[in-house]
Amino acid sequence: MKKFHIKKGDTVYVNAGNDKGKTGKVLEVLRDKDRVIVEGINMVSKHTKPNAKAPQGGIIKQEAGIHISNVQLLDPSSTASKPVPTRVGYKEVDGKKVRYAKKSGEEIK
């Protein structure tokens, strides 16, 4: 199984593509396709038939996958006004393996 530095619930920075510079929360990690689905990023229009969820049917907007190499984890110490992307490292704390931000050294929850 592939090992990714990004998990569901992480806040990430998009560093390539049409949404470059935007940030969002990871909704899902698609390991088999090397992609992540990020809230509000890579929105596509999907044509749907009428169903219980959408009685009218029509065109709905939803997030599509973005390649994992095009996103980078945000440093937990960064502010909302100035997001700071960082690389991820692993270290052992109290016998547990934890992720930490390489830029600040802060542990990622």
PDB file of N, CA and C in Angstrom:
ATOM      1  N   MET A   1       0.839  -1.188   0.000  1.00  0.00           N
ATOM      2  CA  MET A   1       0.000   0.000   0.000  1.00  0.00           C
ATOM      3  C   MET A   1       0.877   1.243   0.000  1.00  0.00           C
ATOM      4  N   LYS A   2       0.455   2.252  -0.736  1.00  0.00           N
ATOM      5  CA  LYS A   2       1.228   3.485  -0.847  1.00  0.00           C
ATOM      6  C   LYS A   2       1.133   4.292   0.436  1.00  0.00           C
ATOM      7  N   LYS A   3       2.196   5.029   0.740  1.00  0.00           N
ATOM      8  CA  LYS A   3       2.241   5.854   1.943  1.00  0.00           C
ATOM      9  C   LYS A   3       2.216   7.306   1.528  1.00  0.00           C
ATOM     10  N   PHE A   4       1.223   8.043   2.033  1.00  0.00           N
ATOM     11  CA  PHE A   4       1.097   9.456   1.730  1.00  0.00           C
ATOM     12  C   PHE A   4       1.302  10.276   2.988  1.00  0.00           C
ATOM     13  N   HIS A   5       1.794  11.491   2.832  1.00  0.00           N
ATOM     14  CA  HIS A   5       2.006  12.389   3.957  1.00  0.00           C
ATOM     15  C   HIS A   5       0.742  13.155   4.294  1.00  0.00           C
ATOM     16  N   ILE A   6      -0.264  13.062   3.452  1.00  0.00           N
ATOM     17  CA  ILE A   6      -1.504  13.820   3.636  1.00  0.00           C
ATOM     18  C   ILE A   6      -2.620  12.859   4.021  1.00  0.00           C
ATOM     19  N   LYS A   7      -3.419  13.275   5.014  1.00  0.00           N
ATOM     20  CA  LYS A   7      -4.518  12.453   5.498  1.00  0.00           C
ATOM     21  C   LYS A   7      -5.822  13.224   5.389  1.00  0.00           C
ATOM     22  N   LYS A   8      -6.916  12.518   5.520  1.00  0.00           N
ATOM     23  CA  LYS A   8      -8.240  13.134   5.531  1.00  0.00           C
ATOM     24  C   LYS A   8      -8.318  14.108   6.707  1.00  0.00           C
ATOM     25  N   GLY A   9      -8.841  15.301   6.436  1.00  0.00           N
ATOM     26  CA  GLY A   9      -8.974  16.303   7.495  1.00  0.00           C
ATOM     27  C   GLY A   9      -7.838  17.312   7.539  1.00  0.00           C
ATOM     28  N   ASP A  10      -6.721  17.044   6.841  1.00  0.00           N
ATOM     29  CA  ASP A  10      -5.603  17.988   6.799  1.00  0.00           C
ATOM     30  C   ASP A  10      -5.977  19.223   5.980  1.00  0.00           C
ATOM     31  N   THR A  11      -5.367  20.350   6.314  1.00  0.00           N
ATOM     32  CA  THR A  11      -5.520  21.559   5.507  1.00  0.00           C
ATOM     33  C   THR A  11      -4.317  21.632   4.578  1.00  0.00           C
ATOM     34  N   VAL A  12      -4.586  21.758   3.285  1.00  0.00           N
ATOM     35  CA  VAL A  12      -3.509  21.725   2.297  1.00  0.00           C
ATOM     36  C   VAL A  12      -3.506  22.980   1.440  1.00  0.00           C
ATOM     37  N   TYR A  13      -2.356  23.233   0.814  1.00  0.00           N
ATOM     38  CA  TYR A  13      -2.118  24.349  -0.098  1.00  0.00           C
ATOM     39  C   TYR A  13      -1.948  23.762  -1.492  1.00  0.00           C
ATOM     40  N   VAL A  14      -2.647  24.314  -2.480  1.00  0.00           N
ATOM     41  CA  VAL A  14      -2.542  23.826  -3.865  1.00  0.00           C
ATOM     42  C   VAL A  14      -1.400  24.586  -4.532  1.00  0.00           C
ATOM     43  N   ASN A  15      -0.353  23.862  -4.975  1.00  0.00           N
ATOM     44  CA  ASN A  15       0.817  24.522  -5.552  1.00  0.00           C
ATOM     45  C   ASN A  15       0.923  24.375  -7.067  1.00  0.00           C
ATOM     46  N   ALA A  16      -0.109  23.824  -7.720  1.00  0.00           N
ATOM     47  CA  ALA A  16      -0.097  23.719  -9.181  1.00  0.00           C
ATOM     48  C   ALA A  16      -1.522  23.575  -9.693  1.00  0.00           C
ATOM     49  N   GLY A  17      -1.734  23.993 -10.934  1.00  0.00           N
ATOM     50  CA  GLY A  17      -3.040  23.837 -11.567  1.00  0.00           C
ATOM     51  C   GLY A  17      -3.847  25.123 -11.555  1.00  0.00           C
ATOM     52  N   ASN A  18      -5.113  25.016 -11.953  1.00  0.00           N
ATOM     53  CA  ASN A  18      -5.997  26.175 -12.050  1.00  0.00           C
ATOM     54  C   ASN A  18      -6.270  26.821 -10.701  1.00  0.00           C
ATOM     55  N   ASP A  19      -6.232  26.055  -9.632  1.00  0.00           N
ATOM     56  CA  ASP A  19      -6.529  26.569  -8.291  1.00  0.00           C
ATOM     57  C   ASP A  19      -5.269  26.848  -7.488  1.00  0.00           C
ATOM     58  N   LYS A  20      -4.162  27.115  -8.174  1.00  0.00           N
ATOM     59  CA  LYS A  20      -2.882  27.365  -7.506  1.00  0.00           C
ATOM     60  C   LYS A  20      -3.006  28.533  -6.524  1.00  0.00           C
ATOM     61  N   GLY A  21      -2.479  28.336  -5.318  1.00  0.00           N
ATOM     62  CA  GLY A  21      -2.501  29.375  -4.302  1.00  0.00           C
ATOM     63  C   GLY A  21      -3.664  29.263  -3.332  1.00  0.00           C
ATOM     64  N   LYS A  22      -4.633  28.418  -3.625  1.00  0.00           N
ATOM     65  CA  LYS A  22      -5.796  28.253  -2.745  1.00  0.00           C
ATOM     66  C   LYS A  22      -5.509  27.201  -1.681  1.00  0.00           C
ATOM     67  N   THR A  23      -6.271  27.266  -0.607  1.00  0.00           N
ATOM     68  CA  THR A  23      -6.147  26.270   0.453  1.00  0.00           C
ATOM     69  C   THR A  23      -7.501  25.634   0.696  1.00  0.00           C
ATOM     70  N   GLY A  24      -7.483  24.431   1.260  1.00  0.00           N
ATOM     71  CA  GLY A  24      -8.731  23.743   1.564  1.00  0.00           C
ATOM     72  C   GLY A  24      -8.482  22.527   2.426  1.00  0.00           C
ATOM     73  N   LYS A  25      -9.567  21.950   2.895  1.00  0.00           N
ATOM     74  CA  LYS A  25      -9.515  20.782   3.766  1.00  0.00           C
ATOM     75  C   LYS A  25      -9.670  19.518   2.926  1.00  0.00           C
ATOM     76  N   VAL A  26      -8.872  18.495   3.214  1.00  0.00           N
ATOM     77  CA  VAL A  26      -8.934  17.235   2.480  1.00  0.00           C
ATOM     78  C   VAL A  26     -10.179  16.476   2.919  1.00  0.00           C
ATOM     79  N   LEU A  27     -11.046  16.151   1.948  1.00  0.00           N
ATOM     80  CA  LEU A  27     -12.265  15.409   2.223  1.00  0.00           C
ATOM     81  C   LEU A  27     -12.046  13.909   2.087  1.00  0.00           C
ATOM     82  N   GLU A  28     -11.158  13.536   1.158  1.00  0.00           N
ATOM     83  CA  GLU A  28     -10.947  12.123   0.876  1.00  0.00           C
ATOM     84  C   GLU A  28      -9.581  11.927   0.220  1.00  0.00           C
ATOM     85  N   VAL A  29      -8.941  10.787   0.523  1.00  0.00           N
ATOM     86  CA  VAL A  29      -7.677  10.419  -0.110  1.00  0.00           C
ATOM     87  C   VAL A  29      -7.929   9.178  -0.947  1.00  0.00           C
ATOM     88  N   LEU A  30      -7.690   9.281  -2.264  1.00  0.00           N
ATOM     89  CA  LEU A  30      -7.884   8.157  -3.189  1.00  0.00           C
ATOM     90  C   LEU A  30      -6.525   7.521  -3.448  1.00  0.00           C
ATOM     91  N   ARG A  31      -6.168   6.536  -2.638  1.00  0.00           N
ATOM     92  CA  ARG A  31      -4.829   5.936  -2.683  1.00  0.00           C
ATOM     93  C   ARG A  31      -4.535   5.241  -4.013  1.00  0.00           C
ATOM     94  N   ASP A  32      -5.509   4.549  -4.573  1.00  0.00           N
ATOM     95  CA  ASP A  32      -5.267   3.804  -5.800  1.00  0.00           C
ATOM     96  C   ASP A  32      -5.009   4.710  -6.997  1.00  0.00           C
ATOM     97  N   LYS A  33      -5.511   5.965  -6.957  1.00  0.00           N
ATOM     98  CA  LYS A  33      -5.332   6.897  -8.067  1.00  0.00           C
ATOM     99  C   LYS A  33      -4.335   8.003  -7.757  1.00  0.00           C
ATOM    100  N   ASP A  34      -3.690   7.983  -6.580  1.00  0.00           N
ATOM    101  CA  ASP A  34      -2.731   9.017  -6.140  1.00  0.00           C
ATOM    102  C   ASP A  34      -3.368  10.400  -6.131  1.00  0.00           C
ATOM    103  N   ARG A  35      -4.616  10.494  -5.716  1.00  0.00           N
ATOM    104  CA  ARG A  35      -5.335  11.766  -5.740  1.00  0.00           C
ATOM    105  C   ARG A  35      -5.981  12.062  -4.397  1.00  0.00           C
ATOM    106  N   VAL A  36      -6.271  13.340  -4.202  1.00  0.00           N
ATOM    107  CA  VAL A  36      -7.026  13.775  -3.027  1.00  0.00           C
ATOM    108  C   VAL A  36      -8.184  14.645  -3.493  1.00  0.00           C
ATOM    109  N   ILE A  37      -9.264  14.638  -2.724  1.00  0.00           N
ATOM    110  CA  ILE A  37     -10.390  15.521  -2.997  1.00  0.00           C
ATOM    111  C   ILE A  37     -10.351  16.594  -1.919  1.00  0.00           C
ATOM    112  N   VAL A  38     -10.217  17.858  -2.365  1.00  0.00           N
ATOM    113  CA  VAL A  38     -10.071  18.988  -1.457  1.00  0.00           C
ATOM    114  C   VAL A  38     -11.309  19.872  -1.558  1.00  0.00           C
ATOM    115  N   GLU A  39     -11.802  20.295  -0.406  1.00  0.00           N
ATOM    116  CA  GLU A  39     -13.018  21.107  -0.320  1.00  0.00           C
ATOM    117  C   GLU A  39     -12.868  22.412  -1.107  1.00  0.00           C
ATOM    118  N   GLY A  40     -13.747  22.611  -2.096  1.00  0.00           N
ATOM    119  CA  GLY A  40     -13.763  23.849  -2.874  1.00  0.00           C
ATOM    120  C   GLY A  40     -12.707  23.951  -3.964  1.00  0.00           C
ATOM    121  N   ILE A  41     -11.926  22.904  -4.188  1.00  0.00           N
ATOM    122  CA  ILE A  41     -10.852  22.926  -5.184  1.00  0.00           C
ATOM    123  C   ILE A  41     -11.207  21.982  -6.335  1.00  0.00           C
ATOM    124  N   ASN A  42     -10.877  22.386  -7.565  1.00  0.00           N
ATOM    125  CA  ASN A  42     -11.105  21.586  -8.770  1.00  0.00           C
ATOM    126  C   ASN A  42     -12.591  21.248  -8.935  1.00  0.00           C
ATOM    127  N   MET A  43     -13.420  22.288  -8.896  1.00  0.00           N
ATOM    128  CA  MET A  43     -14.869  22.103  -9.029  1.00  0.00           C
ATOM    129  C   MET A  43     -15.228  21.775 -10.481  1.00  0.00           C
ATOM    130  N   VAL A  44     -16.076  20.752 -10.655  1.00  0.00           N
ATOM    131  CA  VAL A  44     -16.528  20.354 -11.978  1.00  0.00           C
ATOM    132  C   VAL A  44     -18.056  20.342 -11.992  1.00  0.00           C
ATOM    133  N   SER A  45     -18.644  20.475 -13.185  1.00  0.00           N
ATOM    134  CA  SER A  45     -20.094  20.416 -13.342  1.00  0.00           C
ATOM    135  C   SER A  45     -20.482  18.993 -13.707  1.00  0.00           C
ATOM    136  N   LYS A  46     -21.452  18.445 -12.970  1.00  0.00           N
ATOM    137  CA  LYS A  46     -21.899  17.084 -13.227  1.00  0.00           C
ATOM    138  C   LYS A  46     -23.386  17.115 -13.562  1.00  0.00           C
ATOM    139  N   HIS A  47     -23.757  16.484 -14.651  1.00  0.00           N
ATOM    140  CA  HIS A  47     -25.159  16.413 -15.060  1.00  0.00           C
ATOM    141  C   HIS A  47     -25.805  15.227 -14.355  1.00  0.00           C
ATOM    142  N   THR A  48     -26.925  15.471 -13.664  1.00  0.00           N
ATOM    143  CA  THR A  48     -27.573  14.398 -12.917  1.00  0.00           C
ATOM    144  C   THR A  48     -29.027  14.250 -13.326  1.00  0.00           C
ATOM    145  N   LYS A  49     -29.497  13.021 -13.251  1.00  0.00           N
ATOM    146  CA  LYS A  49     -30.914  12.734 -13.471  1.00  0.00           C
ATOM    147  C   LYS A  49     -31.652  13.042 -12.170  1.00  0.00           C
ATOM    148  N   PRO A  50     -32.953  13.268 -12.241  1.00  0.00           N
ATOM    149  CA  PRO A  50     -33.713  13.477 -11.006  1.00  0.00           C
ATOM    150  C   PRO A  50     -33.617  12.251 -10.085  1.00  0.00           C
ATOM    151  N   ASN A  51     -33.382  12.506  -8.802  1.00  0.00           N
ATOM    152  CA  ASN A  51     -33.355  11.440  -7.804  1.00  0.00           C
ATOM    153  C   ASN A  51     -33.835  12.010  -6.474  1.00  0.00           C
ATOM    154  N   ALA A  52     -33.779  11.224  -5.422  1.00  0.00           N
ATOM    155  CA  ALA A  52     -34.278  11.672  -4.116  1.00  0.00           C
ATOM    156  C   ALA A  52     -33.490  12.873  -3.592  1.00  0.00           C
ATOM    157  N   LYS A  53     -32.189  12.888  -3.847  1.00  0.00           N
ATOM    158  CA  LYS A  53     -31.333  13.979  -3.360  1.00  0.00           C
ATOM    159  C   LYS A  53     -31.580  15.267  -4.150  1.00  0.00           C
ATOM    160  N   ALA A  54     -31.723  15.139  -5.462  1.00  0.00           N
ATOM    161  CA  ALA A  54     -31.958  16.295  -6.331  1.00  0.00           C
ATOM    162  C   ALA A  54     -33.208  16.007  -7.170  1.00  0.00           C
ATOM    163  N   PRO A  55     -34.408  16.344  -6.645  1.00  0.00           N
ATOM    164  CA  PRO A  55     -35.650  15.997  -7.355  1.00  0.00           C
ATOM    165  C   PRO A  55     -35.757  16.621  -8.749  1.00  0.00           C
ATOM    166  N   GLN A  56     -35.143  17.788  -8.954  1.00  0.00           N
ATOM    167  CA  GLN A  56     -35.168  18.445 -10.250  1.00  0.00           C
ATOM    168  C   GLN A  56     -34.151  17.857 -11.214  1.00  0.00           C
ATOM    169  N   GLY A  57     -33.073  17.280 -10.683  1.00  0.00           N
ATOM    170  CA  GLY A  57     -31.975  16.849 -11.542  1.00  0.00           C
ATOM    171  C   GLY A  57     -31.191  18.072 -11.967  1.00  0.00           C
ATOM    172  N   GLY A  58     -30.549  18.033 -13.112  1.00  0.00           N
ATOM    173  CA  GLY A  58     -29.834  19.188 -13.632  1.00  0.00           C
ATOM    174  C   GLY A  58     -28.333  19.112 -13.427  1.00  0.00           C
ATOM    175  N   ILE A  59     -27.712  20.288 -13.387  1.00  0.00           N
ATOM    176  CA  ILE A  59     -26.253  20.374 -13.298  1.00  0.00           C
ATOM    177  C   ILE A  59     -25.873  20.754 -11.867  1.00  0.00           C
ATOM    178  N   ILE A  60     -25.022  19.943 -11.255  1.00  0.00           N
ATOM    179  CA  ILE A  60     -24.535  20.254  -9.909  1.00  0.00           C
ATOM    180  C   ILE A  60     -23.027  20.433  -9.957  1.00  0.00           C
ATOM    181  N   LYS A  61     -22.504  21.248  -9.045  1.00  0.00           N
ATOM    182  CA  LYS A  61     -21.055  21.459  -8.935  1.00  0.00           C
ATOM    183  C   LYS A  61     -20.537  20.564  -7.823  1.00  0.00           C
ATOM    184  N   GLN A  62     -19.414  19.884  -8.092  1.00  0.00           N
ATOM    185  CA  GLN A  62     -18.790  19.067  -7.056  1.00  0.00           C
ATOM    186  C   GLN A  62     -17.291  19.042  -7.246  1.00  0.00           C
ATOM    187  N   GLU A  63     -16.581  18.643  -6.191  1.00  0.00           N
ATOM    188  CA  GLU A  63     -15.126  18.588  -6.229  1.00  0.00           C
ATOM    189  C   GLU A  63     -14.670  17.347  -6.991  1.00  0.00           C
ATOM    190  N   ALA A  64     -13.615  17.515  -7.771  1.00  0.00           N
ATOM    191  CA  ALA A  64     -12.982  16.383  -8.448  1.00  0.00           C
ATOM    192  C   ALA A  64     -11.598  16.193  -7.814  1.00  0.00           C
ATOM    193  N   GLY A  65     -10.988  15.055  -8.080  1.00  0.00           N
ATOM    194  CA  GLY A  65      -9.689  14.751  -7.497  1.00  0.00           C
ATOM    195  C   GLY A  65      -8.585  15.621  -8.075  1.00  0.00           C
ATOM    196  N   ILE A  66      -7.576  15.866  -7.250  1.00  0.00           N
ATOM    197  CA  ILE A  66      -6.377  16.591  -7.673  1.00  0.00           C
ATOM    198  C   ILE A  66      -5.189  15.721  -7.286  1.00  0.00           C
ATOM    199  N   HIS A  67      -4.189  15.663  -8.151  1.00  0.00           N
ATOM    200  CA  HIS A  67      -3.057  14.772  -7.889  1.00  0.00           C
ATOM    201  C   HIS A  67      -2.346  15.172  -6.603  1.00  0.00           C
ATOM    202  N   ILE A  68      -1.921  14.176  -5.851  1.00  0.00           N
ATOM    203  CA  ILE A  68      -1.329  14.413  -4.529  1.00  0.00           C
ATOM    204  C   ILE A  68      -0.029  15.206  -4.606  1.00  0.00           C
ATOM    205  N   SER A  69       0.634  15.171  -5.756  1.00  0.00           N
ATOM    206  CA  SER A  69       1.881  15.926  -5.908  1.00  0.00           C
ATOM    207  C   SER A  69       1.624  17.423  -6.063  1.00  0.00           C
ATOM    208  N   ASN A  70       0.366  17.798  -6.336  1.00  0.00           N
ATOM    209  CA  ASN A  70       0.021  19.207  -6.527  1.00  0.00           C
ATOM    210  C   ASN A  70      -0.498  19.875  -5.263  1.00  0.00           C
ATOM    211  N   VAL A  71      -0.462  19.171  -4.141  1.00  0.00           N
ATOM    212  CA  VAL A  71      -0.869  19.763  -2.868  1.00  0.00           C
ATOM    213  C   VAL A  71       0.241  19.579  -1.845  1.00  0.00           C
ATOM    214  N   GLN A  72       0.279  20.496  -0.883  1.00  0.00           N
ATOM    215  CA  GLN A  72       1.290  20.454   0.162  1.00  0.00           C
ATOM    216  C   GLN A  72       0.623  20.803   1.480  1.00  0.00           C
ATOM    217  N   LEU A  73       0.998  20.105   2.530  1.00  0.00           N
ATOM    218  CA  LEU A  73       0.407  20.330   3.847  1.00  0.00           C
ATOM    219  C   LEU A  73       0.747  21.719   4.356  1.00  0.00           C
ATOM    220  N   LEU A  74      -0.216  22.364   5.031  1.00  0.00           N
ATOM    221  CA  LEU A  74       0.033  23.684   5.610  1.00  0.00           C
ATOM    222  C   LEU A  74       0.625  23.525   7.000  1.00  0.00           C
ATOM    223  N   ASP A  75       1.584  24.387   7.302  1.00  0.00           N
ATOM    224  CA  ASP A  75       2.216  24.402   8.619  1.00  0.00           C
ATOM    225  C   ASP A  75       1.164  24.773   9.667  1.00  0.00           C
ATOM    226  N   PRO A  76       1.026  23.999  10.747  1.00  0.00           N
ATOM    227  CA  PRO A  76       0.018  24.320  11.753  1.00  0.00           C
ATOM    228  C   PRO A  76       0.254  25.660  12.446  1.00  0.00           C
ATOM    229  N   SER A  77       1.486  26.165  12.411  1.00  0.00           N
ATOM    230  CA  SER A  77       1.777  27.449  13.059  1.00  0.00           C
ATOM    231  C   SER A  77       1.490  28.638  12.138  1.00  0.00           C
ATOM    232  N   SER A  78       1.150  28.382  10.854  1.00  0.00           N
ATOM    233  CA  SER A  78       0.883  29.481   9.920  1.00  0.00           C
ATOM    234  C   SER A  78      -0.484  30.100  10.199  1.00  0.00           C
ATOM    235  N   THR A  79      -0.628  31.373   9.819  1.00  0.00           N
ATOM    236  CA  THR A  79      -1.897  32.076  10.031  1.00  0.00           C
ATOM    237  C   THR A  79      -2.767  31.962   8.789  1.00  0.00           C
ATOM    238  N   ALA A  80      -4.041  32.307   8.938  1.00  0.00           N
ATOM    239  CA  ALA A  80      -4.978  32.230   7.808  1.00  0.00           C
ATOM    240  C   ALA A  80      -4.641  33.270   6.742  1.00  0.00           C
ATOM    241  N   SER A  81      -4.087  34.411   7.161  1.00  0.00           N
ATOM    242  CA  SER A  81      -3.769  35.452   6.188  1.00  0.00           C
ATOM    243  C   SER A  81      -2.544  35.095   5.354  1.00  0.00           C
ATOM    244  N   LYS A  82      -1.613  34.339   5.923  1.00  0.00           N
ATOM    245  CA  LYS A  82      -0.403  33.952   5.195  1.00  0.00           C
ATOM    246  C   LYS A  82      -0.139  32.455   5.400  1.00  0.00           C
ATOM    247  N   PRO A  83      -0.736  31.608   4.552  1.00  0.00           N
ATOM    248  CA  PRO A  83      -0.508  30.171   4.697  1.00  0.00           C
ATOM    249  C   PRO A  83       0.928  29.795   4.320  1.00  0.00           C
ATOM    250  N   VAL A  84       1.525  28.913   5.102  1.00  0.00           N
ATOM    251  CA  VAL A  84       2.907  28.493   4.858  1.00  0.00           C
ATOM    252  C   VAL A  84       2.917  26.985   4.583  1.00  0.00           C
ATOM    253  N   PRO A  85       3.130  26.575   3.319  1.00  0.00           N
ATOM    254  CA  PRO A  85       3.228  25.148   3.023  1.00  0.00           C
ATOM    255  C   PRO A  85       4.523  24.580   3.586  1.00  0.00           C
ATOM    256  N   THR A  86       4.482  23.326   3.985  1.00  0.00           N
ATOM    257  CA  THR A  86       5.657  22.699   4.574  1.00  0.00           C
ATOM    258  C   THR A  86       5.752  21.240   4.161  1.00  0.00           C
ATOM    259  N   ARG A  87       6.942  20.692   4.300  1.00  0.00           N
ATOM    260  CA  ARG A  87       7.127  19.260   4.094  1.00  0.00           C
ATOM    261  C   ARG A  87       6.825  18.555   5.416  1.00  0.00           C
ATOM    262  N   VAL A  88       6.648  17.239   5.350  1.00  0.00           N
ATOM    263  CA  VAL A  88       6.262  16.471   6.529  1.00  0.00           C
ATOM    264  C   VAL A  88       7.381  15.521   6.908  1.00  0.00           C
ATOM    265  N   GLY A  89       7.653  15.459   8.197  1.00  0.00           N
ATOM    266  CA  GLY A  89       8.626  14.508   8.711  1.00  0.00           C
ATOM    267  C   GLY A  89       7.957  13.633   9.757  1.00  0.00           C
ATOM    268  N   TYR A  90       8.629  12.567  10.149  1.00  0.00           N
ATOM    269  CA  TYR A  90       8.110  11.668  11.165  1.00  0.00           C
ATOM    270  C   TYR A  90       9.140  11.538  12.271  1.00  0.00           C
ATOM    271  N   LYS A  91       8.662  11.522  13.520  1.00  0.00           N
ATOM    272  CA  LYS A  91       9.547  11.274  14.654  1.00  0.00           C
ATOM    273  C   LYS A  91       8.770  10.511  15.705  1.00  0.00           C
ATOM    274  N   GLU A  92       9.502   9.940  16.656  1.00  0.00           N
ATOM    275  CA  GLU A  92       8.874   9.153  17.695  1.00  0.00           C
ATOM    276  C   GLU A  92       8.773   9.978  18.973  1.00  0.00           C
ATOM    277  N   VAL A  93       7.550  10.084  19.508  1.00  0.00           N
ATOM    278  CA  VAL A  93       7.311  10.812  20.749  1.00  0.00           C
ATOM    279  C   VAL A  93       6.557   9.880  21.689  1.00  0.00           C
ATOM    280  N   ASP A  94       7.138   9.584  22.837  1.00  0.00           N
ATOM    281  CA  ASP A  94       6.536   8.685  23.828  1.00  0.00           C
ATOM    282  C   ASP A  94       6.167   7.335  23.218  1.00  0.00           C
ATOM    283  N   GLY A  95       7.031   6.808  22.356  1.00  0.00           N
ATOM    284  CA  GLY A  95       6.796   5.503  21.743  1.00  0.00           C
ATOM    285  C   GLY A  95       5.794   5.510  20.605  1.00  0.00           C
ATOM    286  N   LYS A  96       5.293   6.697  20.212  1.00  0.00           N
ATOM    287  CA  LYS A  96       4.345   6.793  19.104  1.00  0.00           C
ATOM    288  C   LYS A  96       4.979   7.548  17.949  1.00  0.00           C
ATOM    289  N   LYS A  97       4.667   7.128  16.735  1.00  0.00           N
ATOM    290  CA  LYS A  97       5.159   7.799  15.537  1.00  0.00           C
ATOM    291  C   LYS A  97       4.224   8.958  15.220  1.00  0.00           C
ATOM    292  N   VAL A  98       4.766  10.188  15.168  1.00  0.00           N
ATOM    293  CA  VAL A  98       3.939  11.368  14.907  1.00  0.00           C
ATOM    294  C   VAL A  98       4.499  12.152  13.723  1.00  0.00           C
ATOM    295  N   ARG A  99       3.612  12.876  13.046  1.00  0.00           N
ATOM    296  CA  ARG A  99       4.026  13.739  11.944  1.00  0.00           C
ATOM    297  C   ARG A  99       4.393  15.107  12.507  1.00  0.00           C
ATOM    298  N   TYR A 100       5.382  15.750  11.870  1.00  0.00           N
ATOM    299  CA  TYR A 100       5.724  17.115  12.265  1.00  0.00           C
ATOM    300  C   TYR A 100       6.071  17.935  11.029  1.00  0.00           C
ATOM    301  N   ALA A 101       5.876  19.257  11.149  1.00  0.00           N
ATOM    302  CA  ALA A 101       6.167  20.178  10.050  1.00  0.00           C
ATOM    303  C   ALA A 101       7.665  20.437  10.015  1.00  0.00           C
ATOM    304  N   LYS A 102       8.284  20.274   8.868  1.00  0.00           N
ATOM    305  CA  LYS A 102       9.726  20.468   8.737  1.00  0.00           C
ATOM    306  C   LYS A 102      10.108  21.927   8.921  1.00  0.00           C
ATOM    307  N   LYS A 103       9.227  22.887   8.522  1.00  0.00           N
ATOM    308  CA  LYS A 103       9.558  24.299   8.613  1.00  0.00           C
ATOM    309  C   LYS A 103       9.626  24.779  10.048  1.00  0.00           C
ATOM    310  N   SER A 104       8.591  24.454  10.849  1.00  0.00           N
ATOM    311  CA  SER A 104       8.524  24.976  12.211  1.00  0.00           C
ATOM    312  C   SER A 104       8.915  23.950  13.265  1.00  0.00           C
ATOM    313  N   GLY A 105       8.895  22.682  12.893  1.00  0.00           N
ATOM    314  CA  GLY A 105       9.183  21.623  13.865  1.00  0.00           C
ATOM    315  C   GLY A 105       7.985  21.277  14.721  1.00  0.00           C
ATOM    316  N   GLU A 106       6.843  21.921  14.461  1.00  0.00           N
ATOM    317  CA  GLU A 106       5.643  21.709  15.257  1.00  0.00           C
ATOM    318  C   GLU A 106       4.951  20.402  14.888  1.00  0.00           C
ATOM    319  N   GLU A 107       4.405  19.724  15.880  1.00  0.00           N
ATOM    320  CA  GLU A 107       3.716  18.461  15.666  1.00  0.00           C
ATOM    321  C   GLU A 107       2.381  18.707  14.961  1.00  0.00           C
ATOM    322  N   ILE A 108       2.036  17.826  14.014  1.00  0.00           N
ATOM    323  CA  ILE A 108       0.783  17.928  13.278  1.00  0.00           C
ATOM    324  C   ILE A 108      -0.218  17.008  13.940  1.00  0.00           C
ATOM    325  N   LYS A 109      -1.332  17.558  14.326  1.00  0.00           N
ATOM    326  CA  LYS A 109      -2.372  16.762  15.008  1.00  0.00           C
ATOM    327  C   LYS A 109      -3.177  15.970  14.017  1.00  0.00           C
TER     328      LYS A 109
END
